[in-house]
Amino acid sequence: RRQRQMCIRDRREIIRNVEMIMATPVGSSPLYRDFGVDNSMLDKPLDVARSLYAVAVMEAVDKWEPRARAEQVTLTPEASGKLRAKAVIVLA
């Protein structure tokens, strides 16, 4: 039982870390300027932005959270004009 609780805590930590990576634009963290995801492509046409953003998320997760792998990254426009990012995470 104790082993399982540690595993659940680890999963939650990994998910939080991936959320933080996806929410942080590269260059915005003072001590780790290369931490996060390059979101410069978000001004491009949606089809191009989707592909480039997916690659950027996958690379950032590979670099900053080695216990996880991002798969099926999607970028969906909302009615408000914002883009919602979602990634399926596979734990290593």
Protein backbone atom coordinates (compact mmCIF):
# COMPACT_ATOMS: atom_id res chain seq x y z
CA ARG A 1 0.00 0.00 0.00
CA ARG A 2 2.79 2.43 0.85
CA GLN A 3 4.49 1.69 -2.48
CA ARG A 4 1.25 2.47 -4.32
CA GLN A 5 0.82 5.80 -2.51
CA MET A 6 4.34 6.82 -3.53
CA CYS A 7 3.50 5.90 -7.11
CA ILE A 8 0.34 8.04 -7.08
CA ARG A 9 2.28 10.97 -5.60
CA ASP A 10 4.95 10.54 -8.25
CA ARG A 11 2.33 10.57 -11.02
CA ARG A 12 0.76 13.74 -9.65
CA GLU A 13 4.19 15.38 -9.46
CA ILE A 14 4.99 14.40 -13.04
CA ILE A 15 1.67 15.76 -14.30
CA ARG A 16 2.20 19.03 -12.39
CA ASN A 17 5.69 19.30 -13.87
CA VAL A 18 4.40 18.79 -17.42
CA GLU A 19 1.64 21.36 -16.83
CA MET A 20 4.28 23.83 -15.61
CA ILE A 21 6.47 23.16 -18.65
CA MET A 22 3.54 23.71 -21.02
CA ALA A 23 2.43 26.89 -19.23
CA THR A 24 5.87 28.52 -19.19
CA PRO A 25 7.07 30.38 -22.30
CA VAL A 26 10.78 29.95 -23.01
CA GLY A 27 12.71 32.94 -21.68
CA SER A 28 10.26 33.82 -18.91
CA SER A 29 11.97 31.93 -16.08
CA PRO A 30 14.81 34.13 -14.73
CA LEU A 31 17.09 31.32 -13.57
CA TYR A 32 16.35 28.85 -16.38
CA ARG A 33 15.96 30.93 -19.54
CA ASP A 34 15.54 27.82 -21.73
CA PHE A 35 12.86 26.24 -19.47
CA GLY A 36 9.38 25.87 -20.94
CA VAL A 37 7.92 25.79 -24.42
CA ASP A 38 8.78 28.09 -27.32
CA ASN A 39 5.43 29.61 -28.20
CA SER A 40 6.64 31.98 -30.93
CA MET A 41 4.75 29.94 -33.53
CA LEU A 42 1.35 30.80 -32.08
CA ASP A 43 1.07 33.82 -34.39
CA LYS A 44 1.31 31.60 -37.46
CA PRO A 45 -1.70 30.05 -39.23
CA LEU A 46 -3.44 27.51 -36.98
CA ASP A 47 -2.41 24.41 -38.96
CA VAL A 48 1.25 25.44 -38.86
CA ALA A 49 1.06 26.49 -35.21
CA ARG A 50 -0.48 23.15 -34.20
CA SER A 51 2.36 21.15 -35.73
CA LEU A 52 5.15 23.38 -34.47
CA TYR A 53 3.65 23.63 -30.97
CA ALA A 54 3.28 19.84 -30.73
CA VAL A 55 6.95 19.39 -31.55
CA ALA A 56 7.96 22.14 -29.10
CA VAL A 57 5.97 20.52 -26.26
CA MET A 58 7.37 17.06 -26.98
CA GLU A 59 10.93 18.39 -27.01
CA ALA A 60 10.45 20.43 -23.82
CA VAL A 61 8.91 17.51 -21.92
CA ASP A 62 11.74 15.22 -23.08
CA LYS A 63 14.27 17.76 -21.84
CA TRP A 64 12.73 18.82 -18.52
CA GLU A 65 10.73 15.80 -17.32
CA PRO A 66 12.52 12.58 -18.22
CA ARG A 67 9.90 10.47 -16.40
CA ALA A 68 7.28 11.35 -19.02
CA ARG A 69 6.78 11.53 -22.77
CA ALA A 70 4.24 13.84 -24.42
CA GLU A 71 2.11 12.32 -27.15
CA GLN A 72 -0.86 13.63 -29.14
CA VAL A 73 -0.37 17.30 -28.37
CA THR A 74 -3.36 19.32 -29.56
CA LEU A 75 -4.04 23.02 -29.82
CA THR A 76 -7.72 23.96 -29.99
CA PRO A 77 -9.14 27.46 -30.52
CA GLU A 78 -11.79 28.60 -28.04
CA ALA A 79 -14.64 31.04 -28.66
CA SER A 80 -12.77 33.67 -26.63
CA GLY A 81 -9.92 33.61 -29.16
CA LYS A 82 -7.52 31.78 -26.84
CA LEU A 83 -5.87 28.50 -27.76
CA ARG A 84 -6.20 25.54 -25.39
CA ALA A 85 -3.28 23.11 -25.32
CA LYS A 86 -3.70 19.49 -24.34
CA ALA A 87 -1.19 16.65 -24.28
CA VAL A 88 -1.49 12.95 -23.63
CA ILE A 89 1.33 12.02 -21.27
CA VAL A 90 2.91 8.58 -21.11
CA LEU A 91 4.86 7.86 -17.95
CA ALA A 92 8.26 6.29 -18.46
